[in-house]
Amino acid sequence: QVPVVQSGGGWVQPGGSTRLSCATSGLTFSNYGMSWYRQLPGKERELVALISRSGGLTDYADPVKGRFTVSRDNAQNTGYLQMNALRPEDTAVYYCKVQQSSTMIHYWGQGTQVTVSS
């Protein structure tokens, strides 16, 4: 069973919004920090946002600050990335990652394409 499954994304017009979900199973989600990465064509994967195990701490890469919001629902074992005011340069494959800091055990989602274009 795949422990991390992503959903959401797709094609969005500039200025639009979309939400990515990262559903986990078979692990205690509240024991894992969560982060979102993206990989632009021809470039390395880059960190977009992260959230602590409890959800009390978040941080964002400068290009997405004020536009993206990372959140999580530990009762539902799911994390989210709300993406607003999207720009063409946000076009990328987005990945979620859950990581247990004490053991360094981590799992990646399968990735989901977000295309921002008119």
Protein backbone atom coordinates (compact mmCIF):
# COMPACT_ATOMS: atom_id res chain seq x y z
CA GLN A 1 0.00 0.00 0.00
CA VAL A 2 1.34 3.40 -1.01
CA PRO A 3 1.57 5.49 2.14
CA VAL A 4 1.27 8.88 0.45
CA VAL A 5 -1.15 9.66 -2.37
CA GLN A 6 -1.61 13.08 -3.91
CA SER A 7 -4.62 14.55 -5.65
CA GLY A 8 -5.68 17.86 -7.12
CA GLY A 9 -3.89 20.16 -9.50
CA GLY A 10 -4.38 20.21 -13.24
CA TRP A 11 -4.82 23.20 -15.51
CA VAL A 12 -5.50 26.62 -14.00
CA GLN A 13 -5.75 30.07 -15.54
CA PRO A 14 -3.36 32.79 -14.35
CA GLY A 15 -4.72 34.37 -11.20
CA GLY A 16 -6.71 31.26 -10.40
CA SER A 17 -6.56 28.87 -7.49
CA THR A 18 -6.28 25.18 -6.85
CA ARG A 19 -5.70 22.92 -3.88
CA LEU A 20 -3.44 19.93 -3.65
CA SER A 21 -4.08 17.13 -1.18
CA CYS A 22 -1.65 14.64 0.29
CA ALA A 23 -3.43 11.68 1.88
CA THR A 24 -1.46 9.27 4.01
CA SER A 25 -2.21 5.77 5.21
CA GLY A 26 -0.47 3.15 7.28
CA LEU A 27 1.46 5.67 9.33
CA THR A 28 0.80 7.97 12.26
CA PHE A 29 0.50 11.22 10.33
CA SER A 30 0.86 13.41 13.40
CA ASN A 31 4.38 12.00 13.89
CA TYR A 32 5.51 13.36 10.54
CA GLY A 33 6.34 16.83 9.39
CA MET A 34 5.12 17.60 5.91
CA SER A 35 6.59 19.61 3.11
CA TRP A 36 5.70 20.46 -0.46
CA TYR A 37 8.20 20.65 -3.28
CA ARG A 38 7.94 21.45 -6.93
CA GLN A 39 10.02 20.60 -9.93
CA LEU A 40 10.01 22.92 -12.89
CA PRO A 41 10.91 21.54 -16.32
CA GLY A 42 14.66 21.05 -16.57
CA LYS A 43 15.30 22.11 -12.99
CA GLU A 44 15.91 20.46 -9.66
CA ARG A 45 13.16 19.89 -7.13
CA GLU A 46 12.74 22.90 -4.84
CA LEU A 47 11.10 23.38 -1.47
CA VAL A 48 7.84 25.33 -1.58
CA ALA A 49 6.37 25.08 1.90
CA LEU A 50 6.58 23.08 5.08
CA ILE A 51 4.45 22.51 8.13
CA SER A 52 5.26 21.04 11.51
CA ARG A 53 3.70 17.89 12.93
CA SER A 54 1.07 19.81 14.88
CA GLY A 55 0.51 22.38 12.16
CA GLY A 56 1.57 25.20 14.44
CA LEU A 57 4.62 26.15 12.42
CA THR A 58 4.76 26.85 8.72
CA ASP A 59 7.29 28.32 6.35
CA TYR A 60 7.31 29.22 2.68
CA ALA A 61 9.73 29.85 -0.13
CA ASP A 62 9.87 33.51 -1.08
CA PRO A 63 8.25 33.09 -4.53
CA VAL A 64 5.04 31.72 -3.00
CA LYS A 65 4.75 33.73 0.22
CA GLY A 66 1.38 35.39 0.54
CA ARG A 67 -0.11 33.21 -2.23
CA PHE A 68 0.21 29.63 -1.01
CA THR A 69 -1.01 28.19 2.28
CA VAL A 70 0.06 24.84 3.70
CA SER A 71 -2.19 23.11 6.20
CA ARG A 72 -2.95 19.69 7.60
CA ASP A 73 -5.75 17.74 9.23
CA ASN A 74 -4.19 15.12 11.47
CA ALA A 75 -7.57 13.55 12.18
CA GLN A 76 -7.97 12.91 8.46
CA ASN A 77 -4.28 12.00 7.93
CA THR A 78 -4.15 14.52 5.11
CA GLY A 79 -2.17 17.60 4.25
CA TYR A 80 -3.01 20.39 1.83
CA LEU A 81 -1.43 23.09 -0.25
CA GLN A 82 -3.82 25.89 -1.18
CA MET A 83 -2.45 27.79 -4.15
CA ASN A 84 -3.91 31.21 -4.98
CA ALA A 85 -3.02 33.97 -7.43
CA LEU A 86 -1.27 31.42 -9.60
CA ARG A 87 1.26 32.53 -12.18
CA PRO A 88 2.61 30.80 -15.27
CA GLU A 89 5.95 30.40 -13.49
CA ASP A 90 4.20 28.22 -10.89
CA THR A 91 3.77 25.56 -13.57
CA ALA A 92 5.52 22.47 -12.24
CA VAL A 93 5.08 18.99 -10.87
CA TYR A 94 4.30 19.31 -7.18
CA TYR A 95 5.31 16.69 -4.63
CA CYS A 96 4.44 16.24 -1.00
CA LYS A 97 6.85 14.65 1.41
CA VAL A 98 6.25 13.43 4.93
CA GLN A 99 9.24 12.99 7.18
CA GLN A 100 9.82 11.78 10.68
CA SER A 101 12.64 13.96 12.01
CA SER A 102 13.74 11.55 14.72
CA THR A 103 14.36 8.66 12.33
CA MET A 104 14.68 10.46 8.98
CA ILE A 105 12.11 8.04 7.57
CA HIS A 106 10.33 9.80 4.74
CA TYR A 107 7.85 9.13 1.99
CA TRP A 108 7.15 11.02 -1.20
CA GLY A 109 3.87 11.40 -2.97
CA GLN A 110 3.69 10.46 -6.62
CA GLY A 111 3.66 14.05 -7.85
CA THR A 112 0.90 16.04 -9.51
CA GLN A 113 1.10 18.40 -12.44
CA VAL A 114 -0.06 21.99 -12.07
CA THR A 115 -0.18 23.98 -15.29
CA VAL A 116 -0.92 27.70 -15.17
CA SER A 117 -1.79 28.99 -18.60
CA SER A 118 -4.40 31.00 -20.42
